[in-house]
């Protein structure tokens, strides 16, 4: 049986936490593990930036749709 390290995440685990962070607040242990992984991984920070880009684009789209709905009334 392999030993498990609670702060050692795979990229797949880190991606799951980044997606979960969009919907809920992460516990301290998960936040620490994610920050540690993001500090040592070359690819995951890029995925995090892509998520931020998508979140910002969706916020702009919602604002556009909301103003368009108000103009129709």
Foldseek 3Di string as FASTA:
>chain_A
DDDDDLLADDLVRLVVVLVVVVPDPDDPSNVNSNVVCVVPDDPNVVVSVVVVVVVVVVVVVVVVVVVVVVVVD
